PDB file of N, CA and C in Angstrom:
ATOM      1  N   MET A   1     -12.755 -24.908  -2.868  1.00  0.00           N
ATOM      2  CA  MET A   1     -11.408 -24.243  -2.829  1.00  0.00           C
ATOM      3  C   MET A   1     -10.289 -24.560  -1.466  1.00  0.00           C
ATOM      4  N   PRO A   2      -9.645 -25.493  -1.989  1.00  0.00           N
ATOM      5  CA  PRO A   2      -7.970 -26.576  -1.294  1.00  0.00           C
ATOM      6  C   PRO A   2      -7.493 -25.478  -0.893  1.00  0.00           C
ATOM      7  N   GLY A   3      -6.896 -25.483  -0.493  1.00  0.00           N
ATOM      8  CA  GLY A   3      -5.779 -23.871   0.311  1.00  0.00           C
ATOM      9  C   GLY A   3      -6.138 -23.155   0.538  1.00  0.00           C
ATOM     10  N   GLY A   4      -7.010 -22.126   0.069  1.00  0.00           N
ATOM     11  CA  GLY A   4      -7.752 -21.323   0.051  1.00  0.00           C
ATOM     12  C   GLY A   4      -7.315 -20.307  -0.722  1.00  0.00           C
ATOM     13  N   ARG A   5      -6.341 -19.780   0.465  1.00  0.00           N
ATOM     14  CA  ARG A   5      -5.075 -18.985  -0.944  1.00  0.00           C
ATOM     15  C   ARG A   5      -4.866 -19.388  -2.026  1.00  0.00           C
ATOM     16  N   SER A   6      -4.940 -19.488  -3.515  1.00  0.00           N
ATOM     17  CA  SER A   6      -3.842 -19.426  -4.120  1.00  0.00           C
ATOM     18  C   SER A   6      -3.497 -18.884  -5.687  1.00  0.00           C
ATOM     19  N   GLY A   7      -4.010 -17.195  -5.068  1.00  0.00           N
ATOM     20  CA  GLY A   7      -2.885 -16.584  -5.670  1.00  0.00           C
ATOM     21  C   GLY A   7      -3.455 -15.951  -6.990  1.00  0.00           C
ATOM     22  N   ASP A   8      -4.656 -16.583  -7.444  1.00  0.00           N
ATOM     23  CA  ASP A   8      -4.703 -16.646  -8.491  1.00  0.00           C
ATOM     24  C   ASP A   8      -6.347 -14.538  -7.966  1.00  0.00           C
ATOM     25  N   ARG A   9      -5.508 -14.282  -9.231  1.00  0.00           N
ATOM     26  CA  ARG A   9      -6.412 -12.492  -9.176  1.00  0.00           C
ATOM     27  C   ARG A   9      -6.980 -12.406 -10.209  1.00  0.00           C
ATOM     28  N   ARG A  10      -7.845 -13.685 -10.905  1.00  0.00           N
ATOM     29  CA  ARG A  10      -8.597 -13.926 -11.798  1.00  0.00           C
ATOM     30  C   ARG A  10     -10.150 -13.712 -11.235  1.00  0.00           C
ATOM     31  N   THR A  11     -10.095 -13.017 -10.096  1.00  0.00           N
ATOM     32  CA  THR A  11     -12.013 -12.973  -9.239  1.00  0.00           C
ATOM     33  C   THR A  11     -12.979 -12.465 -10.163  1.00  0.00           C
ATOM     34  N   GLY A  12     -12.697 -12.113 -10.432  1.00  0.00           N
ATOM     35  CA  GLY A  12     -13.444 -11.086 -11.646  1.00  0.00           C
ATOM     36  C   GLY A  12     -14.253  -9.979 -10.566  1.00  0.00           C
ATOM     37  N   ASN A  13     -14.187  -9.589  -9.526  1.00  0.00           N
ATOM     38  CA  ASN A  13     -14.194  -8.629  -8.213  1.00  0.00           C
ATOM     39  C   ASN A  13     -13.517  -7.828  -8.033  1.00  0.00           C
ATOM     40  N   ARG A  14     -14.172  -6.284  -8.706  1.00  0.00           N
ATOM     41  CA  ARG A  14     -13.459  -5.226  -9.314  1.00  0.00           C
ATOM     42  C   ARG A  14     -12.804  -4.339  -8.010  1.00  0.00           C
ATOM     43  N   ARG A  15     -13.194  -4.581  -6.782  1.00  0.00           N
ATOM     44  CA  ARG A  15     -12.277  -3.987  -5.509  1.00  0.00           C
ATOM     45  C   ARG A  15     -11.269  -4.643  -5.520  1.00  0.00           C
ATOM     46  N   THR A  16     -11.086  -5.724  -5.951  1.00  0.00           N
ATOM     47  CA  THR A  16      -9.323  -6.260  -5.635  1.00  0.00           C
ATOM     48  C   THR A  16      -8.671  -6.496  -6.934  1.00  0.00           C
ATOM     49  N   SER A  17      -8.921  -5.370  -7.432  1.00  0.00           N
ATOM     50  CA  SER A  17      -8.000  -4.576  -9.138  1.00  0.00           C
ATOM     51  C   SER A  17      -7.276  -3.691  -8.196  1.00  0.00           C
ATOM     52  N   SER A  18      -7.818  -2.585  -7.583  1.00  0.00           N
ATOM     53  CA  SER A  18      -6.733  -1.795  -6.868  1.00  0.00           C
ATOM     54  C   SER A  18      -6.173  -1.924  -5.371  1.00  0.00           C
ATOM     55  N   ARG A  19      -5.942  -3.016  -4.891  1.00  0.00           N
ATOM     56  CA  ARG A  19      -4.886  -3.919  -4.355  1.00  0.00           C
ATOM     57  C   ARG A  19      -4.127  -4.700  -5.097  1.00  0.00           C
ATOM     58  N   THR A  20      -4.124  -5.196  -6.094  1.00  0.00           N
ATOM     59  CA  THR A  20      -2.913  -5.875  -6.497  1.00  0.00           C
ATOM     60  C   THR A  20      -2.243  -5.221  -6.660  1.00  0.00           C
ATOM     61  N   ARG A  21      -2.210  -3.589  -7.344  1.00  0.00           N
ATOM     62  CA  ARG A  21      -1.177  -3.211  -7.747  1.00  0.00           C
ATOM     63  C   ARG A  21       0.202  -3.466  -6.558  1.00  0.00           C
ATOM     64  N   LEU A  22      -0.735  -3.426  -5.460  1.00  0.00           N
ATOM     65  CA  LEU A  22       0.226  -3.249  -3.792  1.00  0.00           C
ATOM     66  C   LEU A  22      -0.165  -4.334  -2.841  1.00  0.00           C
ATOM     67  N   ASP A  23       0.286  -6.034  -3.724  1.00  0.00           N
ATOM     68  CA  ASP A  23       0.099  -8.034  -2.826  1.00  0.00           C
ATOM     69  C   ASP A  23       1.441  -7.255  -2.502  1.00  0.00           C
ATOM     70  N   ASN A  24       2.413  -6.700  -3.165  1.00  0.00           N
ATOM     71  CA  ASN A  24       3.974  -7.273  -2.456  1.00  0.00           C
ATOM     72  C   ASN A  24       4.240  -6.100  -1.041  1.00  0.00           C
ATOM     73  N   PHE A  25       2.702  -5.672  -0.242  1.00  0.00           N
ATOM     74  CA  PHE A  25       3.487  -4.699   0.406  1.00  0.00           C
ATOM     75  C   PHE A  25       2.192  -5.483   1.813  1.00  0.00           C
ATOM     76  N   ARG A  26       3.084  -5.767   2.754  1.00  0.00           N
ATOM     77  CA  ARG A  26       2.312  -5.930   4.280  1.00  0.00           C
ATOM     78  C   ARG A  26       2.011  -5.118   5.604  1.00  0.00           C
ATOM     79  N   ARG A  27       1.101  -4.877   6.300  1.00  0.00           N
ATOM     80  CA  ARG A  27       1.239  -4.161   7.218  1.00  0.00           C
ATOM     81  C   ARG A  27       2.259  -4.274   7.991  1.00  0.00           C
ATOM     82  N   GLY A  28       2.859  -3.102   8.107  1.00  0.00           N
ATOM     83  CA  GLY A  28       4.405  -3.323   9.124  1.00  0.00           C
ATOM     84  C   GLY A  28       5.151  -1.904   7.962  1.00  0.00           C
ATOM     85  N   ASP A  29       5.682  -2.268   7.037  1.00  0.00           N
ATOM     86  CA  ASP A  29       6.658  -2.682   5.761  1.00  0.00           C
ATOM     87  C   ASP A  29       6.784  -0.731   5.227  1.00  0.00           C
ATOM     88  N   ARG A  30       7.929  -1.062   5.833  1.00  0.00           N
ATOM     89  CA  ARG A  30       8.087   0.893   6.284  1.00  0.00           C
ATOM     90  C   ARG A  30       8.353   1.421   4.524  1.00  0.00           C
ATOM     91  N   ILE A  31       7.560   2.687   4.526  1.00  0.00           N
ATOM     92  CA  ILE A  31       7.512   2.824   2.914  1.00  0.00           C
ATOM     93  C   ILE A  31       7.734   4.680   2.688  1.00  0.00           C
ATOM     94  N   GLN A  32       7.963   4.759   1.048  1.00  0.00           N
ATOM     95  CA  GLN A  32       8.244   6.355   0.714  1.00  0.00           C
ATOM     96  C   GLN A  32       6.188   6.354  -0.008  1.00  0.00           C
ATOM     97  N   VAL A  33       5.528   8.075   0.258  1.00  0.00           N
ATOM     98  CA  VAL A  33       5.025   7.881  -0.280  1.00  0.00           C
ATOM     99  C   VAL A  33       4.984   9.042  -1.483  1.00  0.00           C
ATOM    100  N   PHE A  34       4.750   8.621  -3.104  1.00  0.00           N
ATOM    101  CA  PHE A  34       5.107   9.799  -3.322  1.00  0.00           C
ATOM    102  C   PHE A  34       3.977  10.264  -4.937  1.00  0.00           C
ATOM    103  N   SER A  35       3.594  11.481  -4.795  1.00  0.00           N
ATOM    104  CA  SER A  35       2.371  12.100  -5.660  1.00  0.00           C
ATOM    105  C   SER A  35       2.989  13.180  -6.775  1.00  0.00           C
ATOM    106  N   ALA A  36       2.972  12.542  -7.703  1.00  0.00           N
ATOM    107  CA  ALA A  36       3.801  13.558  -9.231  1.00  0.00           C
ATOM    108  C   ALA A  36       4.934  14.162  -8.839  1.00  0.00           C
ATOM    109  N   GLY A  37       5.663  12.352  -8.403  1.00  0.00           N
ATOM    110  CA  GLY A  37       6.936  12.758  -8.169  1.00  0.00           C
ATOM    111  C   GLY A  37       7.515  13.225  -6.933  1.00  0.00           C
ATOM    112  N   ARG A  38       6.600  13.744  -6.541  1.00  0.00           N
ATOM    113  CA  ARG A  38       7.436  14.597  -4.602  1.00  0.00           C
ATOM    114  C   ARG A  38       6.254  13.198  -3.991  1.00  0.00           C
ATOM    115  N   GLN A  39       7.581  13.327  -2.841  1.00  0.00           N
ATOM    116  CA  GLN A  39       7.501  12.913  -1.712  1.00  0.00           C
ATOM    117  C   GLN A  39       6.734  13.634  -0.748  1.00  0.00           C
ATOM    118  N   LEU A  40       5.301  12.366  -0.130  1.00  0.00           N
ATOM    119  CA  LEU A  40       4.844  12.956   0.775  1.00  0.00           C
ATOM    120  C   LEU A  40       5.310  12.790   2.014  1.00  0.00           C
ATOM    121  N   ASP A  41       5.928  13.777   2.894  1.00  0.00           N
ATOM    122  CA  ASP A  41       5.724  13.260   4.984  1.00  0.00           C
ATOM    123  C   ASP A  41       6.773  12.616   4.828  1.00  0.00           C
ATOM    124  N   GLY A  42       7.563  12.805   4.595  1.00  0.00           N
ATOM    125  CA  GLY A  42       8.511  12.251   4.310  1.00  0.00           C
ATOM    126  C   GLY A  42       8.344  10.168   4.700  1.00  0.00           C
ATOM    127  N   ASN A  43       8.805   9.492   5.615  1.00  0.00           N
ATOM    128  CA  ASN A  43       8.399   7.884   5.581  1.00  0.00           C
ATOM    129  C   ASN A  43       7.701   7.445   6.329  1.00  0.00           C
ATOM    130  N   GLY A  44       7.140   6.376   6.335  1.00  0.00           N
ATOM    131  CA  GLY A  44       6.228   5.812   7.003  1.00  0.00           C
ATOM    132  C   GLY A  44       5.949   4.297   6.690  1.00  0.00           C
ATOM    133  N   THR A  45       4.764   3.834   7.396  1.00  0.00           N
ATOM    134  CA  THR A  45       4.668   2.493   7.892  1.00  0.00           C
ATOM    135  C   THR A  45       3.007   2.254   6.682  1.00  0.00           C
ATOM    136  N   PHE A  46       2.956   2.136   5.642  1.00  0.00           N
ATOM    137  CA  PHE A  46       1.957   0.645   5.212  1.00  0.00           C
ATOM    138  C   PHE A  46       0.952   0.080   6.497  1.00  0.00           C
ATOM    139  N   ILE A  47       0.041   0.077   5.836  1.00  0.00           N
ATOM    140  CA  ILE A  47      -1.336  -0.044   7.274  1.00  0.00           C
ATOM    141  C   ILE A  47      -2.000  -1.249   6.147  1.00  0.00           C
ATOM    142  N   ARG A  48      -2.109  -0.601   5.080  1.00  0.00           N
ATOM    143  CA  ARG A  48      -3.278  -1.208   4.344  1.00  0.00           C
ATOM    144  C   ARG A  48      -4.390  -0.161   3.030  1.00  0.00           C
ATOM    145  N   VAL A  49      -4.795  -0.984   2.685  1.00  0.00           N
ATOM    146  CA  VAL A  49      -5.508  -0.457   1.749  1.00  0.00           C
ATOM    147  C   VAL A  49      -7.288  -0.775   1.433  1.00  0.00           C
ATOM    148  N   GLU A  50      -7.882   0.093   0.974  1.00  0.00           N
ATOM    149  CA  GLU A  50      -9.243  -0.002   1.485  1.00  0.00           C
ATOM    150  C   GLU A  50      -9.676   0.863   0.496  1.00  0.00           C
ATOM    151  N   ASP A  51     -11.041   0.488  -0.130  1.00  0.00           N
ATOM    152  CA  ASP A  51     -11.764   1.220  -1.020  1.00  0.00           C
ATOM    153  C   ASP A  51     -11.000   1.885  -1.500  1.00  0.00           C
ATOM    154  N   GLY A  52      -9.988   1.715  -2.366  1.00  0.00           N
ATOM    155  CA  GLY A  52      -9.186   2.846  -3.427  1.00  0.00           C
ATOM    156  C   GLY A  52      -8.499   3.314  -2.735  1.00  0.00           C
ATOM    157  N   PHE A  53      -7.672   3.525  -1.283  1.00  0.00           N
ATOM    158  CA  PHE A  53      -6.925   4.478  -0.341  1.00  0.00           C
ATOM    159  C   PHE A  53      -6.035   3.477   0.186  1.00  0.00           C
ATOM    160  N   LEU A  54      -5.000   4.277   0.129  1.00  0.00           N
ATOM    161  CA  LEU A  54      -3.825   3.587   0.892  1.00  0.00           C
ATOM    162  C   LEU A  54      -3.699   4.301   1.976  1.00  0.00           C
ATOM    163  N   VAL A  55      -3.397   3.385   3.157  1.00  0.00           N
ATOM    164  CA  VAL A  55      -4.150   3.905   4.581  1.00  0.00           C
ATOM    165  C   VAL A  55      -2.790   3.575   5.446  1.00  0.00           C
ATOM    166  N   TRP A  56      -2.093   4.431   5.466  1.00  0.00           N
ATOM    167  CA  TRP A  56      -0.273   4.416   5.712  1.00  0.00           C
ATOM    168  C   TRP A  56      -0.059   5.299   7.327  1.00  0.00           C
ATOM    169  N   GLU A  57       0.809   5.288   8.184  1.00  0.00           N
ATOM    170  CA  GLU A  57       1.005   6.540   8.863  1.00  0.00           C
ATOM    171  C   GLU A  57       2.451   6.840   9.104  1.00  0.00           C
ATOM    172  N   ASP A  58       1.892   8.058   9.075  1.00  0.00           N
ATOM    173  CA  ASP A  58       3.426   9.274   9.257  1.00  0.00           C
ATOM    174  C   ASP A  58       4.975   8.590  10.452  1.00  0.00           C
ATOM    175  N   ASN A  59       5.745   9.356  10.558  1.00  0.00           N
ATOM    176  CA  ASN A  59       6.977   8.789  11.675  1.00  0.00           C
ATOM    177  C   ASN A  59       6.374   9.233  12.416  1.00  0.00           C
ATOM    178  N   SER A  60       5.233  10.829  12.281  1.00  0.00           N
ATOM    179  CA  SER A  60       5.334  11.566  13.154  1.00  0.00           C
ATOM    180  C   SER A  60       3.941  10.595  13.746  1.00  0.00           C
ATOM    181  N   GLY A  61       3.566   9.600  13.434  1.00  0.00           N
ATOM    182  CA  GLY A  61       2.088   9.456  14.190  1.00  0.00           C
ATOM    183  C   GLY A  61       0.844   9.019  13.474  1.00  0.00           C
ATOM    184  N   ASN A  62       0.925  10.104  12.451  1.00  0.00           N
ATOM    185  CA  ASN A  62      -0.426  10.381  11.738  1.00  0.00           C
ATOM    186  C   ASN A  62      -0.691   9.008  11.162  1.00  0.00           C
ATOM    187  N   ARG A  63      -2.140   9.567  10.768  1.00  0.00           N
ATOM    188  CA  ARG A  63      -2.588   8.139   9.752  1.00  0.00           C
ATOM    189  C   ARG A  63      -3.246   8.563   8.869  1.00  0.00           C
ATOM    190  N   ASN A  64      -2.654   8.487   7.889  1.00  0.00           N
ATOM    191  CA  ASN A  64      -2.631   9.264   6.172  1.00  0.00           C
ATOM    192  C   ASN A  64      -3.670   8.303   5.622  1.00  0.00           C
ATOM    193  N   THR A  65      -4.441   8.703   4.835  1.00  0.00           N
ATOM    194  CA  THR A  65      -5.068   8.370   4.245  1.00  0.00           C
ATOM    195  C   THR A  65      -5.640   8.884   2.397  1.00  0.00           C
ATOM    196  N   THR A  66      -4.118   8.412   1.803  1.00  0.00           N
ATOM    197  CA  THR A  66      -4.162   8.602  -0.107  1.00  0.00           C
ATOM    198  C   THR A  66      -4.822   8.100  -0.692  1.00  0.00           C
ATOM    199  N   SER A  67      -5.103   9.027  -1.789  1.00  0.00           N
ATOM    200  CA  SER A  67      -6.181   8.372  -2.845  1.00  0.00           C
ATOM    201  C   SER A  67      -4.428   7.285  -3.888  1.00  0.00           C
ATOM    202  N   LEU A  68      -4.902   5.906  -4.569  1.00  0.00           N
ATOM    203  CA  LEU A  68      -3.486   4.827  -4.979  1.00  0.00           C
ATOM    204  C   LEU A  68      -4.735   6.321  -6.133  1.00  0.00           C
ATOM    205  N   GLU A  69      -4.513   6.936  -6.808  1.00  0.00           N
ATOM    206  CA  GLU A  69      -4.837   7.293  -7.589  1.00  0.00           C
ATOM    207  C   GLU A  69      -3.276   8.261  -8.042  1.00  0.00           C
ATOM    208  N   GLY A  70      -2.625   8.158  -8.469  1.00  0.00           N
ATOM    209  CA  GLY A  70      -1.809   8.691  -8.705  1.00  0.00           C
ATOM    210  C   GLY A  70      -0.441   9.121  -8.080  1.00  0.00           C
ATOM    211  N   ILE A  71      -0.807   7.539  -7.343  1.00  0.00           N
ATOM    212  CA  ILE A  71       0.982   8.192  -6.630  1.00  0.00           C
ATOM    213  C   ILE A  71       1.411   7.180  -6.687  1.00  0.00           C
ATOM    214  N   SER A  72       2.962   6.871  -6.250  1.00  0.00           N
ATOM    215  CA  SER A  72       4.081   5.351  -6.127  1.00  0.00           C
ATOM    216  C   SER A  72       4.451   5.485  -4.960  1.00  0.00           C
ATOM    217  N   ILE A  73       4.671   4.099  -4.520  1.00  0.00           N
ATOM    218  CA  ILE A  73       4.645   3.470  -3.614  1.00  0.00           C
ATOM    219  C   ILE A  73       6.304   2.822  -3.120  1.00  0.00           C
ATOM    220  N   ARG A  74       7.009   3.472  -2.140  1.00  0.00           N
ATOM    221  CA  ARG A  74       8.180   2.512  -2.566  1.00  0.00           C
ATOM    222  C   ARG A  74       8.608   1.744  -1.475  1.00  0.00           C
ATOM    223  N   ARG A  75       9.222   0.684  -0.677  1.00  0.00           N
ATOM    224  CA  ARG A  75       9.109  -0.084  -0.039  1.00  0.00           C
ATOM    225  C   ARG A  75      10.800   0.153   0.291  1.00  0.00           C
ATOM    226  N   LEU A  76      10.974   0.448   1.420  1.00  0.00           N
ATOM    227  CA  LEU A  76      12.545   1.092   2.047  1.00  0.00           C
ATOM    228  C   LEU A  76      13.334  -1.098   2.978  1.00  0.00           C
ATOM    229  N   SER A  77      14.436  -0.863   2.949  1.00  0.00           N
ATOM    230  CA  SER A  77      14.549  -1.411   3.533  1.00  0.00           C
ATOM    231  C   SER A  77      14.544  -1.280   5.269  1.00  0.00           C
ATOM    232  N   ASN A  78      14.665  -2.463   5.799  1.00  0.00           N
ATOM    233  CA  ASN A  78      14.223  -2.935   7.598  1.00  0.00           C
ATOM    234  C   ASN A  78      15.845  -2.689   7.488  1.00  0.00           C
ATOM    235  N   ARG A  79      16.927  -2.811   6.575  1.00  0.00           N
ATOM    236  CA  ARG A  79      18.252  -2.661   7.525  1.00  0.00           C
ATOM    237  C   ARG A  79      18.805  -1.010   7.808  1.00  0.00           C
ATOM    238  N   TYR A  80      19.454  -1.578   9.201  1.00  0.00           N
ATOM    239  CA  TYR A  80      19.367   0.147   9.917  1.00  0.00           C
ATOM    240  C   TYR A  80      20.510   0.648   9.270  1.00  0.00           C
TER     241      TYR A  80
END
């Protein structure tokens, strides 16, 4: 496997399918999490995706684990 990461998503590994929706997010990105069109717990920080769940920290410092089913996530600008 020359180069290691080719970016090819055709791995056949089902665990990567839930991750591909969030490929553009990186640890530390500022995010907003929505479920059924409603914002959850204000703004927060993306940590990771694990076993079909979004792991993120809200502005109060609470770590949240939210199912990827039925949510949408928006990255916030880092500009203030």
